[in-house]
Amino acid sequence: MERTTQARTREERDVKRMQTRNAHCCDWDSVPVVIDLPYVARILGVTPETLKLRCLRGKFPAFKEGKNWRVEKCDLRAYIEGNKVMKEAAT
């Protein structure tokens, strides 16, 4: 009986973790000045692995702090603005 409760609790925790991982950030003011890659990935709607590859290829503005990749908020905003597709340019 106790094992079933533990499994259910673990399953609920995993579901909540996936919901949080897949949630997009919507309040720009709450974004920190220096952001870690998983948080940036959530904002952009990509996986952290995809973003890491972009960093390694020099296609995304990030820096390493120890083993972890970090992004400055102003660089992220510039990246987003620079990658917008204008309606006129698309036609």
Protein backbone atom coordinates (compact mmCIF):
# COMPACT_ATOMS: atom_id res chain seq x y z
CA MET A 1 0.00 0.00 0.00
CA GLU A 2 2.80 2.41 0.95
CA ARG A 3 4.69 1.60 -2.25
CA THR A 4 1.66 2.56 -4.38
CA THR A 5 1.39 5.91 -2.57
CA GLN A 6 5.09 6.59 -3.17
CA ALA A 7 4.74 5.73 -6.87
CA ARG A 8 1.71 8.02 -7.21
CA THR A 9 3.51 10.86 -5.43
CA ARG A 10 6.56 10.39 -7.68
CA GLU A 11 4.31 10.38 -10.75
CA GLU A 12 2.55 13.59 -9.65
CA ARG A 13 5.92 15.23 -9.02
CA ASP A 14 7.14 14.22 -12.50
CA VAL A 15 4.00 15.63 -14.12
CA LYS A 16 4.42 18.91 -12.25
CA ARG A 17 8.11 19.08 -13.26
CA MET A 18 7.19 18.58 -16.93
CA GLN A 19 4.51 21.29 -16.73
CA THR A 20 7.02 23.70 -15.22
CA ARG A 21 9.67 22.76 -17.78
CA ASN A 22 7.25 23.35 -20.65
CA ALA A 23 5.84 26.62 -19.31
CA HIS A 24 6.92 29.69 -21.23
CA CYS A 25 7.99 32.81 -19.39
CA CYS A 26 5.51 35.62 -19.89
CA ASP A 27 6.70 38.45 -17.61
CA TRP A 28 9.92 39.99 -18.96
CA ASP A 29 10.44 42.03 -15.77
CA SER A 30 10.73 38.83 -13.72
CA VAL A 31 13.58 37.51 -15.90
CA PRO A 32 16.94 37.82 -14.06
CA VAL A 33 19.83 39.85 -15.50
CA VAL A 34 21.94 36.70 -16.01
CA ILE A 35 20.01 33.58 -16.97
CA ASP A 36 20.93 29.90 -17.10
CA LEU A 37 20.40 27.91 -20.29
CA PRO A 38 17.39 25.81 -19.18
CA TYR A 39 15.48 28.99 -18.29
CA VAL A 40 16.38 30.60 -21.62
CA ALA A 41 15.29 27.42 -23.40
CA ARG A 42 11.88 27.68 -21.73
CA ILE A 43 11.57 31.30 -22.84
CA LEU A 44 12.46 30.42 -26.44
CA GLY A 45 10.50 27.17 -26.51
CA VAL A 46 13.46 24.95 -27.40
CA THR A 47 15.34 22.26 -25.51
CA PRO A 48 18.42 23.12 -23.45
CA GLU A 49 20.40 20.71 -25.65
CA THR A 50 19.45 22.62 -28.81
CA LEU A 51 20.45 25.88 -27.19
CA LYS A 52 23.75 24.42 -26.00
CA LEU A 53 24.57 23.38 -29.57
CA ARG A 54 23.81 26.91 -30.77
CA CYS A 55 26.17 28.27 -28.09
CA LEU A 56 28.94 25.88 -29.08
CA ARG A 57 28.55 26.87 -32.74
CA GLY A 58 28.62 30.58 -31.88
CA LYS A 59 25.04 31.07 -33.08
CA PHE A 60 23.72 32.18 -29.68
CA PRO A 61 25.16 34.85 -27.35
CA ALA A 62 26.17 33.03 -24.19
CA PHE A 63 29.16 32.59 -21.91
CA LYS A 64 30.41 29.77 -19.72
CA GLU A 65 30.64 30.08 -15.98
CA GLY A 66 32.44 26.94 -14.89
CA LYS A 67 30.56 24.09 -16.56
CA ASN A 68 27.34 26.05 -17.00
CA TRP A 69 26.25 28.29 -19.84
CA ARG A 70 24.78 31.70 -18.94
CA VAL A 71 23.07 34.40 -20.98
CA GLU A 72 22.70 38.09 -20.23
CA LYS A 73 19.16 39.37 -20.42
CA CYS A 74 20.11 42.20 -22.81
CA ASP A 75 21.81 39.68 -25.16
CA LEU A 76 18.72 37.46 -25.12
CA ARG A 77 16.49 40.40 -25.97
CA ALA A 78 18.81 41.42 -28.84
CA TYR A 79 18.85 37.81 -30.10
CA ILE A 80 15.05 37.70 -30.10
CA GLU A 81 14.79 41.07 -31.85
CA GLY A 82 17.43 40.09 -34.40
CA ASN A 83 15.64 36.86 -35.28
CA LYS A 84 12.19 38.29 -35.85
CA VAL A 85 10.88 37.78 -39.36
CA MET A 86 9.37 40.93 -40.78
CA LYS A 87 6.20 40.51 -42.81
CA GLU A 88 7.65 42.42 -45.74
CA ALA A 89 10.90 40.43 -45.72
CA ALA A 90 9.03 37.12 -45.73
CA THR A 91 7.10 37.92 -48.93
